[in-house]
Amino acid sequence: MYPRLETYSGFKLLIRDKVFLPGDSKSFSIMEGLQESCKAVCVVSKRYLSSKWRDYELNMAKVEGIKDRGNIRFIILILMPDVYNGTYPNKVADLLKQDCYLEYPENERDYEEFWEKLIQKISQDITDI
């Protein structure tokens, strides 16, 4: 994700587990990151769905998107193949209903099209905000 979005497409990424400073409050770091971002891209994997921070992160992203920016499209979910057609928590299901997601392809030949769609979705939504 990093090379595709930052190196080749010029977006600046804030990756939660790589940039937050040790000792800082995790909840404060999440909110600060969301407030400084033009978009929130969330990779929905089995590990993410089992995270105790999942609901907090999605709630804060929704608040940032709807309340502060007037646009739920602030959030883009990337559904990994291991969670396709699974049972999703309400917070994730709400965003799926709003068409705020892309499915990461299982087939390697579809990767290029996926990245083009993601870059377009990020760019288009940034100009709409």
C-alpha atoms as a PDB file:
ATOM      1  CA  MET A   1       0.000   0.000   0.000  1.00  0.00           C
ATOM      2  CA  TYR A   2       2.753   2.434   0.919  1.00  0.00           C
ATOM      3  CA  PRO A   3       4.574   2.352  -2.443  1.00  0.00           C
ATOM      4  CA  ARG A   4       1.359   2.512  -4.476  1.00  0.00           C
ATOM      5  CA  LEU A   5      -0.226   5.406  -2.616  1.00  0.00           C
ATOM      6  CA  GLU A   6       2.708   7.447  -1.376  1.00  0.00           C
ATOM      7  CA  THR A   7       5.630   6.836  -3.695  1.00  0.00           C
ATOM      8  CA  TYR A   8       3.769   6.468  -7.007  1.00  0.00           C
ATOM      9  CA  SER A   9       0.598   8.493  -6.408  1.00  0.00           C
ATOM     10  CA  GLY A  10       1.902  11.301  -4.213  1.00  0.00           C
ATOM     11  CA  PHE A  11      -0.413  10.800  -1.238  1.00  0.00           C
ATOM     12  CA  LYS A  12       1.065  11.195   2.233  1.00  0.00           C
ATOM     13  CA  LEU A  13       0.185   8.236   4.451  1.00  0.00           C
ATOM     14  CA  LEU A  14      -0.217   8.166   8.186  1.00  0.00           C
ATOM     15  CA  ILE A  15       0.020   4.514   9.155  1.00  0.00           C
ATOM     16  CA  ARG A  16      -1.184   4.159  12.724  1.00  0.00           C
ATOM     17  CA  ASP A  17       1.235   1.523  13.987  1.00  0.00           C
ATOM     18  CA  LYS A  18       4.248   3.145  12.331  1.00  0.00           C
ATOM     19  CA  VAL A  19       3.886   6.823  13.199  1.00  0.00           C
ATOM     20  CA  PHE A  20       2.344   7.095  16.631  1.00  0.00           C
ATOM     21  CA  LEU A  21       4.848   7.874  19.331  1.00  0.00           C
ATOM     22  CA  PRO A  22       5.318   5.406  22.190  1.00  0.00           C
ATOM     23  CA  GLY A  23       3.770   6.731  25.365  1.00  0.00           C
ATOM     24  CA  ASP A  24       1.152   8.843  23.579  1.00  0.00           C
ATOM     25  CA  SER A  25      -2.451   7.968  24.272  1.00  0.00           C
ATOM     26  CA  LYS A  26      -3.668   5.660  21.514  1.00  0.00           C
ATOM     27  CA  SER A  27      -7.110   7.310  21.447  1.00  0.00           C
ATOM     28  CA  PHE A  28      -5.544  10.791  21.206  1.00  0.00           C
ATOM     29  CA  SER A  29      -3.219   9.624  18.413  1.00  0.00           C
ATOM     30  CA  ILE A  30      -6.138   8.134  16.466  1.00  0.00           C
ATOM     31  CA  MET A  31      -8.175  11.350  16.694  1.00  0.00           C
ATOM     32  CA  GLU A  32      -5.212  13.552  15.851  1.00  0.00           C
ATOM     33  CA  GLY A  33      -4.403  11.388  12.821  1.00  0.00           C
ATOM     34  CA  LEU A  34      -7.985  11.543  11.576  1.00  0.00           C
ATOM     35  CA  GLN A  35      -8.182  15.306  12.012  1.00  0.00           C
ATOM     36  CA  GLU A  36      -4.990  15.811  10.018  1.00  0.00           C
ATOM     37  CA  SER A  37      -6.082  13.502   7.197  1.00  0.00           C
ATOM     38  CA  CYS A  38      -7.996  14.153   4.002  1.00  0.00           C
ATOM     39  CA  LYS A  39      -9.191  10.544   3.927  1.00  0.00           C
ATOM     40  CA  ALA A  40      -9.300   7.524   6.207  1.00  0.00           C
ATOM     41  CA  VAL A  41      -8.522   4.231   4.483  1.00  0.00           C
ATOM     42  CA  CYS A  42      -9.200   1.190   6.626  1.00  0.00           C
ATOM     43  CA  VAL A  43      -7.980  -2.270   5.653  1.00  0.00           C
ATOM     44  CA  VAL A  44     -10.629  -4.699   6.900  1.00  0.00           C
ATOM     45  CA  SER A  45      -8.968  -8.044   7.585  1.00  0.00           C
ATOM     46  CA  LYS A  46      -9.788 -10.806  10.067  1.00  0.00           C
ATOM     47  CA  ARG A  47      -7.193  -9.334  12.404  1.00  0.00           C
ATOM     48  CA  TYR A  48      -8.755  -5.878  12.152  1.00  0.00           C
ATOM     49  CA  LEU A  49     -12.244  -7.262  12.791  1.00  0.00           C
ATOM     50  CA  SER A  50     -11.004  -8.852  16.026  1.00  0.00           C
ATOM     51  CA  SER A  51      -9.277  -5.648  17.190  1.00  0.00           C
ATOM     52  CA  LYS A  52     -10.591  -4.029  20.349  1.00  0.00           C
ATOM     53  CA  TRP A  53      -9.898  -0.626  18.739  1.00  0.00           C
ATOM     54  CA  ARG A  54     -12.007  -1.304  15.621  1.00  0.00           C
ATOM     55  CA  ASP A  55     -15.253   0.285  16.839  1.00  0.00           C
ATOM     56  CA  TYR A  56     -13.471   3.272  18.359  1.00  0.00           C
ATOM     57  CA  GLU A  57     -11.526   3.968  15.164  1.00  0.00           C
ATOM     58  CA  LEU A  58     -14.583   3.650  12.938  1.00  0.00           C
ATOM     59  CA  ASN A  59     -16.713   5.793  15.261  1.00  0.00           C
ATOM     60  CA  MET A  60     -14.102   8.538  15.313  1.00  0.00           C
ATOM     61  CA  ALA A  61     -13.676   8.362  11.525  1.00  0.00           C
ATOM     62  CA  LYS A  62     -17.461   8.647  11.084  1.00  0.00           C
ATOM     63  CA  VAL A  63     -17.582  11.651  13.417  1.00  0.00           C
ATOM     64  CA  GLU A  64     -14.718  13.294  11.538  1.00  0.00           C
ATOM     65  CA  GLY A  65     -16.343  12.563   8.196  1.00  0.00           C
ATOM     66  CA  ILE A  66     -19.956  13.429   8.941  1.00  0.00           C
ATOM     67  CA  LYS A  67     -19.798  16.077  11.644  1.00  0.00           C
ATOM     68  CA  ASP A  68     -16.626  17.923  10.730  1.00  0.00           C
ATOM     69  CA  ARG A  69     -16.602  17.450   6.941  1.00  0.00           C
ATOM     70  CA  GLY A  70     -20.214  16.722   6.084  1.00  0.00           C
ATOM     71  CA  ASN A  71     -19.265  13.651   4.054  1.00  0.00           C
ATOM     72  CA  ILE A  72     -19.233   9.958   5.026  1.00  0.00           C
ATOM     73  CA  ARG A  73     -17.001   9.338   2.006  1.00  0.00           C
ATOM     74  CA  PHE A  74     -14.121  10.483   4.210  1.00  0.00           C
ATOM     75  CA  ILE A  75     -13.808   6.751   4.965  1.00  0.00           C
ATOM     76  CA  ILE A  76     -12.837   4.059   2.473  1.00  0.00           C
ATOM     77  CA  LEU A  77     -12.823   0.442   3.589  1.00  0.00           C
ATOM     78  CA  ILE A  78     -10.670  -2.089   1.783  1.00  0.00           C
ATOM     79  CA  LEU A  79     -12.165  -5.546   2.266  1.00  0.00           C
ATOM     80  CA  MET A  80      -9.503  -8.228   2.212  1.00  0.00           C
ATOM     81  CA  PRO A  81     -10.415 -11.557   0.548  1.00  0.00           C
ATOM     82  CA  ASP A  82     -10.512 -13.405   3.868  1.00  0.00           C
ATOM     83  CA  VAL A  83     -13.520 -11.327   4.972  1.00  0.00           C
ATOM     84  CA  TYR A  84     -15.607 -11.225   1.757  1.00  0.00           C
ATOM     85  CA  ASN A  85     -19.246 -12.082   2.348  1.00  0.00           C
ATOM     86  CA  GLY A  86     -18.606 -12.551   6.013  1.00  0.00           C
ATOM     87  CA  THR A  87     -20.662 -11.314   8.889  1.00  0.00           C
ATOM     88  CA  TYR A  88     -19.585  -7.764   9.593  1.00  0.00           C
ATOM     89  CA  PRO A  89     -19.948  -5.766  12.797  1.00  0.00           C
ATOM     90  CA  ASN A  90     -22.575  -3.007  12.611  1.00  0.00           C
ATOM     91  CA  LYS A  91     -19.985  -0.233  12.289  1.00  0.00           C
ATOM     92  CA  VAL A  92     -18.488  -1.891   9.207  1.00  0.00           C
ATOM     93  CA  ALA A  93     -21.856  -2.938   7.748  1.00  0.00           C
ATOM     94  CA  ASP A  94     -23.090   0.675   7.919  1.00  0.00           C
ATOM     95  CA  LEU A  95     -20.211   1.793   5.717  1.00  0.00           C
ATOM     96  CA  LEU A  96     -20.778  -1.078   3.302  1.00  0.00           C
ATOM     97  CA  LYS A  97     -24.368   0.100   2.842  1.00  0.00           C
ATOM     98  CA  GLN A  98     -23.028   3.578   2.003  1.00  0.00           C
ATOM     99  CA  ASP A  99     -20.777   2.096  -0.708  1.00  0.00           C
ATOM    100  CA  CYS A 100     -17.640   3.284   1.113  1.00  0.00           C
ATOM    101  CA  TYR A 101     -15.534   0.263   0.243  1.00  0.00           C
ATOM    102  CA  LEU A 102     -13.515  -1.619  -2.345  1.00  0.00           C
ATOM    103  CA  GLU A 103     -12.771  -5.334  -2.388  1.00  0.00           C
ATOM    104  CA  TYR A 104      -9.110  -6.259  -2.614  1.00  0.00           C
ATOM    105  CA  PRO A 105      -8.847  -8.758  -5.474  1.00  0.00           C
ATOM    106  CA  GLU A 106      -7.921 -12.371  -4.929  1.00  0.00           C
ATOM    107  CA  ASN A 107      -6.552 -12.657  -8.444  1.00  0.00           C
ATOM    108  CA  GLU A 108      -3.221 -10.985  -9.125  1.00  0.00           C
ATOM    109  CA  ARG A 109      -4.250  -9.904 -12.625  1.00  0.00           C
ATOM    110  CA  ASP A 110      -6.910  -7.630 -11.043  1.00  0.00           C
ATOM    111  CA  TYR A 111      -4.468  -5.735  -8.783  1.00  0.00           C
ATOM    112  CA  GLU A 112      -3.759  -2.942 -11.242  1.00  0.00           C
ATOM    113  CA  GLU A 113      -7.462  -2.182 -11.683  1.00  0.00           C
ATOM    114  CA  PHE A 114      -7.960  -2.191  -7.891  1.00  0.00           C
ATOM    115  CA  TRP A 115      -5.170   0.345  -7.320  1.00  0.00           C
ATOM    116  CA  GLU A 116      -6.503   2.585 -10.083  1.00  0.00           C
ATOM    117  CA  LYS A 117      -9.986   2.510  -8.532  1.00  0.00           C
ATOM    118  CA  LEU A 118      -8.614   3.258  -5.052  1.00  0.00           C
ATOM    119  CA  ILE A 119      -6.503   6.162  -6.265  1.00  0.00           C
ATOM    120  CA  GLN A 120      -9.462   7.535  -8.220  1.00  0.00           C
ATOM    121  CA  LYS A 121     -11.779   7.140  -5.213  1.00  0.00           C
ATOM    122  CA  ILE A 122      -9.344   8.926  -2.911  1.00  0.00           C
ATOM    123  CA  SER A 123      -8.698  11.733  -5.402  1.00  0.00           C
ATOM    124  CA  GLN A 124     -12.343  12.233  -6.353  1.00  0.00           C
ATOM    125  CA  ASP A 125     -13.531  12.275  -2.794  1.00  0.00           C
ATOM    126  CA  ILE A 126     -10.832  14.736  -1.745  1.00  0.00           C
ATOM    127  CA  THR A 127     -12.034  17.220  -4.320  1.00  0.00           C
ATOM    128  CA  ASP A 128     -15.630  16.696  -3.183  1.00  0.00           C
ATOM    129  CA  ILE A 129     -14.858  17.510   0.463  1.00  0.00           C
END
